[in-house]
Every structure is written in structure tokens, then in C-alpha cells.
Amino acid sequence: VTNKIAKRLKKDWSYMVAQFKHSKSLSDFVEAAKAPVEHLFNDHKYCGEWCNTKQAEKEGKPYLHPEG
């Protein structure tokens, strides 16, 4: 894993944890824990509110990641 990818995983993991730290069940957390790695490979089915790509899809807009 390159340093750039590790930083991105760390950021995505922290967003996911912050989203599920209050009033979520353990099974929801376990399911959401799949999101950071899948998100890295452009699969957003496990992503939550923190995912900019998922938000853009809801709005019907294309999303281009700032890092390319």
C-alpha cells in the first residue's frame, strides 16, 4: 500500500467511524466497516453520508475526486 492510499483509507475510516459512533447497532457498524476499502475501488454500496460520490449521485451530478 502506498503512502497516498494509506492516508486516503485513514481519512475514509475516520469518516465512517464518526458516522456510526452514536446510536447505531454493532451489526450496522460491521457492515459499514466494509465501506473504506470498497470506496477505494469505486464501489459505494456500503458508503454512508460521508461519501461525496454517493451525495453527487443523489443530486444527479458527476463527482470528480480532487486527487484524481
C-alpha atoms as a PDB file:
ATOM      1  CA  VAL A   1       0.000   0.000   0.000  1.00  0.00           C
ATOM      2  CA  THR A   2       1.407   3.358  -0.959  1.00  0.00           C
ATOM      3  CA  ASN A   3       1.502   6.270   1.454  1.00  0.00           C
ATOM      4  CA  LYS A   4      -1.153   8.119  -0.561  1.00  0.00           C
ATOM      5  CA  ILE A   5      -3.563   5.173  -0.420  1.00  0.00           C
ATOM      6  CA  ALA A   6      -2.917   4.659   3.307  1.00  0.00           C
ATOM      7  CA  LYS A   7      -3.780   8.301   4.019  1.00  0.00           C
ATOM      8  CA  ARG A   8      -6.982   8.009   1.996  1.00  0.00           C
ATOM      9  CA  LEU A   9      -8.008   4.817   3.830  1.00  0.00           C
ATOM     10  CA  LYS A  10      -7.296   6.504   7.170  1.00  0.00           C
ATOM     11  CA  LYS A  11      -9.467   9.504   6.238  1.00  0.00           C
ATOM     12  CA  ASP A  12     -12.342   7.344   4.942  1.00  0.00           C
ATOM     13  CA  TRP A  13     -12.180   5.084   8.016  1.00  0.00           C
ATOM     14  CA  SER A  14     -12.380   8.094  10.347  1.00  0.00           C
ATOM     15  CA  TYR A  15     -15.441   9.431   8.483  1.00  0.00           C
ATOM     16  CA  MET A  16     -17.135   6.055   8.738  1.00  0.00           C
ATOM     17  CA  VAL A  17     -16.396   5.723  12.479  1.00  0.00           C
ATOM     18  CA  ALA A  18     -17.623   9.261  13.169  1.00  0.00           C
ATOM     19  CA  GLN A  19     -20.876   8.492  11.381  1.00  0.00           C
ATOM     20  CA  PHE A  20     -21.535   5.351  13.444  1.00  0.00           C
ATOM     21  CA  LYS A  21     -20.332   6.414  16.900  1.00  0.00           C
ATOM     22  CA  HIS A  22     -23.815   7.284  18.186  1.00  0.00           C
ATOM     23  CA  SER A  23     -26.869   5.061  18.437  1.00  0.00           C
ATOM     24  CA  LYS A  24     -26.001   2.503  15.774  1.00  0.00           C
ATOM     25  CA  SER A  25     -26.041  -1.232  16.313  1.00  0.00           C
ATOM     26  CA  LEU A  26     -22.918  -3.366  16.138  1.00  0.00           C
ATOM     27  CA  SER A  27     -24.209  -5.158  13.042  1.00  0.00           C
ATOM     28  CA  ASP A  28     -24.628  -1.800  11.270  1.00  0.00           C
ATOM     29  CA  PHE A  29     -21.073  -0.868  12.232  1.00  0.00           C
ATOM     30  CA  VAL A  30     -19.677  -4.162  10.954  1.00  0.00           C
ATOM     31  CA  GLU A  31     -21.485  -3.669   7.640  1.00  0.00           C
ATOM     32  CA  ALA A  32     -20.256  -0.060   7.372  1.00  0.00           C
ATOM     33  CA  ALA A  33     -16.676  -1.148   8.134  1.00  0.00           C
ATOM     34  CA  LYS A  34     -16.561  -2.622   4.629  1.00  0.00           C
ATOM     35  CA  ALA A  35     -17.014   0.841   3.129  1.00  0.00           C
ATOM     36  CA  PRO A  36     -13.482   2.337   3.270  1.00  0.00           C
ATOM     37  CA  VAL A  37     -11.839  -0.452   1.265  1.00  0.00           C
ATOM     38  CA  GLU A  38     -14.723  -0.800  -1.195  1.00  0.00           C
ATOM     39  CA  HIS A  39     -14.840   3.010  -1.537  1.00  0.00           C
ATOM     40  CA  LEU A  40     -11.181   2.981  -2.552  1.00  0.00           C
ATOM     41  CA  PHE A  41     -12.116   0.759  -5.508  1.00  0.00           C
ATOM     42  CA  ASN A  42     -15.066   2.971  -6.513  1.00  0.00           C
ATOM     43  CA  ASP A  43     -17.766   0.696  -5.052  1.00  0.00           C
ATOM     44  CA  HIS A  44     -20.075   2.834  -2.923  1.00  0.00           C
ATOM     45  CA  LYS A  45     -22.785   0.373  -1.859  1.00  0.00           C
ATOM     46  CA  TYR A  46     -21.527   0.351   1.779  1.00  0.00           C
ATOM     47  CA  CYS A  47     -20.800   4.095   1.967  1.00  0.00           C
ATOM     48  CA  GLY A  48     -22.777   6.364   4.219  1.00  0.00           C
ATOM     49  CA  GLU A  49     -23.455  10.068   4.362  1.00  0.00           C
ATOM     50  CA  TRP A  50     -19.733  10.865   4.361  1.00  0.00           C
ATOM     51  CA  CYS A  51     -19.282   9.706   0.756  1.00  0.00           C
ATOM     52  CA  ASN A  52     -19.096  12.630  -1.665  1.00  0.00           C
ATOM     53  CA  THR A  53     -19.606  10.323  -4.643  1.00  0.00           C
ATOM     54  CA  LYS A  54     -22.848   8.983  -3.204  1.00  0.00           C
ATOM     55  CA  GLN A  55     -24.061  12.523  -2.462  1.00  0.00           C
ATOM     56  CA  ALA A  56     -23.276  13.608  -6.019  1.00  0.00           C
ATOM     57  CA  GLU A  57     -25.184  10.611  -7.418  1.00  0.00           C
ATOM     58  CA  LYS A  58     -28.261  11.587  -5.360  1.00  0.00           C
ATOM     59  CA  GLU A  59     -28.073  15.087  -6.811  1.00  0.00           C
ATOM     60  CA  GLY A  60     -27.582  13.731 -10.322  1.00  0.00           C
ATOM     61  CA  LYS A  61     -24.173  15.352 -10.699  1.00  0.00           C
ATOM     62  CA  PRO A  62     -20.869  13.776 -11.713  1.00  0.00           C
ATOM     63  CA  TYR A  63     -18.249  13.679  -8.960  1.00  0.00           C
ATOM     64  CA  LEU A  64     -14.571  14.067  -9.706  1.00  0.00           C
ATOM     65  CA  HIS A  65     -12.291  13.308  -6.779  1.00  0.00           C
ATOM     66  CA  PRO A  66      -9.933  16.233  -6.034  1.00  0.00           C
ATOM     67  CA  GLU A  67      -6.925  13.896  -6.134  1.00  0.00           C
ATOM     68  CA  GLY A  68      -7.972  12.498  -9.493  1.00  0.00           C
END
